C-alpha atoms as a PDB file:
ATOM      1  CA  MET A   1      -7.482   3.541 -13.620  1.00  0.00           C
ATOM      2  CA  LYS A   2      -6.128   0.216 -12.068  1.00  0.00           C
ATOM      3  CA  GLN A   3      -2.693   1.390 -11.675  1.00  0.00           C
ATOM      4  CA  LEU A   4      -3.992   4.135  -9.882  1.00  0.00           C
ATOM      5  CA  HIS A   5      -6.525   2.142  -7.370  1.00  0.00           C
ATOM      6  CA  LYS A   6      -3.031   0.100  -6.632  1.00  0.00           C
ATOM      7  CA  VAL A   7      -1.148   3.460  -5.689  1.00  0.00           C
ATOM      8  CA  THR A   8      -3.660   4.782  -3.683  1.00  0.00           C
ATOM      9  CA  PHE A   9      -4.250   1.851  -1.945  1.00  0.00           C
ATOM     10  CA  ILE A  10      -0.635   1.660  -1.086  1.00  0.00           C
ATOM     11  CA  LEU A  11      -0.713   5.339   0.206  1.00  0.00           C
ATOM     12  CA  LEU A  12      -3.813   4.401   1.909  1.00  0.00           C
ATOM     13  CA  ILE A  13      -1.996   1.742   4.240  1.00  0.00           C
ATOM     14  CA  ILE A  14       0.999   4.057   4.708  1.00  0.00           C
ATOM     15  CA  GLY A  15      -1.313   7.302   5.789  1.00  0.00           C
ATOM     16  CA  GLY A  16      -3.194   4.460   8.372  1.00  0.00           C
ATOM     17  CA  LEU A  17       0.326   2.703   9.600  1.00  0.00           C
ATOM     18  CA  ASN A  18       1.574   6.120  10.238  1.00  0.00           C
ATOM     19  CA  TRP A  19      -1.112   7.058  12.247  1.00  0.00           C
ATOM     20  CA  GLY A  20      -1.123   3.512  14.352  1.00  0.00           C
ATOM     21  CA  LEU A  21       2.593   4.436  14.781  1.00  0.00           C
ATOM     22  CA  GLU A  22       2.064   7.847  15.670  1.00  0.00           C
ATOM     23  CA  ALA A  23      -0.413   6.698  18.700  1.00  0.00           C
ATOM     24  CA  PHE A  24       2.907   5.322  20.130  1.00  0.00           C
ATOM     25  CA  SER A  25       4.878   8.504  19.036  1.00  0.00           C
ATOM     26  CA  TYR A  26       6.836   6.516  16.612  1.00  0.00           C
ATOM     27  CA  GLY A  27       4.760   7.830  13.063  1.00  0.00           C
ATOM     28  CA  LEU A  28       7.445   8.948  10.260  1.00  0.00           C
ATOM     29  CA  GLY A  29       7.251  12.573  11.165  1.00  0.00           C
ATOM     30  CA  ASN A  30       9.420  11.766  13.698  1.00  0.00           C
ATOM     31  CA  TRP A  31      12.124  10.164  11.758  1.00  0.00           C
ATOM     32  CA  ILE A  32      11.444  12.050   8.317  1.00  0.00           C
ATOM     33  CA  PRO A  33      12.570  15.806   7.573  1.00  0.00           C
ATOM     34  CA  GLU A  34       9.024  18.246   7.603  1.00  0.00           C
ATOM     35  CA  ASN A  35       9.387  18.920   4.328  1.00  0.00           C
ATOM     36  CA  ILE A  36       9.186  15.349   2.897  1.00  0.00           C
ATOM     37  CA  MET A  37       6.432  14.357   5.441  1.00  0.00           C
ATOM     38  CA  MET A  38       4.438  17.228   4.199  1.00  0.00           C
ATOM     39  CA  ILE A  39       4.766  15.890   0.244  1.00  0.00           C
ATOM     40  CA  VAL A  40       3.655  12.259   1.833  1.00  0.00           C
ATOM     41  CA  TYR A  41       1.041  13.895   3.753  1.00  0.00           C
ATOM     42  CA  ILE A  42      -0.348  15.274   0.356  1.00  0.00           C
ATOM     43  CA  LEU A  43      -0.077  12.011  -1.114  1.00  0.00           C
ATOM     44  CA  VAL A  44      -2.111  10.265   0.879  1.00  0.00           C
ATOM     45  CA  GLY A  45      -4.713  13.047   1.336  1.00  0.00           C
ATOM     46  CA  LEU A  46      -5.073  13.104  -2.405  1.00  0.00           C
ATOM     47  CA  SER A  47      -5.262   9.458  -2.419  1.00  0.00           C
ATOM     48  CA  ALA A  48      -8.028   9.174   0.267  1.00  0.00           C
ATOM     49  CA  LEU A  49     -10.052  11.788  -2.253  1.00  0.00           C
ATOM     50  CA  VAL A  50      -9.438   9.467  -5.149  1.00  0.00           C
ATOM     51  CA  GLU A  51     -10.727   6.040  -3.161  1.00  0.00           C
ATOM     52  CA  ILE A  52     -13.536   8.256  -1.813  1.00  0.00           C
ATOM     53  CA  PHE A  53     -14.589   9.116  -5.379  1.00  0.00           C
ATOM     54  CA  ASN A  54     -13.876   6.000  -7.155  1.00  0.00           C
ATOM     55  CA  HIS A  55     -14.021   3.412  -4.609  1.00  0.00           C
ATOM     56  CA  LYS A  56     -17.395   1.756  -6.131  1.00  0.00           C
ATOM     57  CA  SER A  57     -16.208   1.122  -9.654  1.00  0.00           C
ATOM     58  CA  PHE A  58     -13.301  -0.817  -7.991  1.00  0.00           C
ATOM     59  CA  CYS A  59     -14.817  -2.629  -4.877  1.00  0.00           C
ATOM     60  CA  ARG A  60     -15.745  -6.096  -5.894  1.00  0.00           C
ATOM     61  CA  ASN A  61     -18.103  -6.029  -2.943  1.00  0.00           C
ATOM     62  CA  CYS A  62     -19.940  -2.868  -4.071  1.00  0.00           C
ATOM     63  CA  ASN A  63     -19.524  -3.462  -7.375  1.00  0.00           C
ATOM     64  CA  PRO A  64     -20.020  -7.234  -8.451  1.00  0.00           C
ATOM     65  CA  GLN A  65     -19.266  -7.086 -12.040  1.00  0.00           C
ATOM     66  CA  GLY A  66     -16.282  -4.665 -10.846  1.00  0.00           C
ATOM     67  CA  MET A  67     -12.572  -4.955 -12.308  1.00  0.00           C
END
């Protein structure tokens, strides 16, 4: 489960950075083919759902006994 948390966290970082870059028209969607970006968007969305439902068990601030 710890590995899943690491993967989802990395994908959320990628998604957040992409949103920031999109504000300046430099997002990944401008450089990577649309069919590949759809997969990236789906993975980032699924990662967000995993973190929403599992965050409290992984977060050291929310769960002092965590990890």
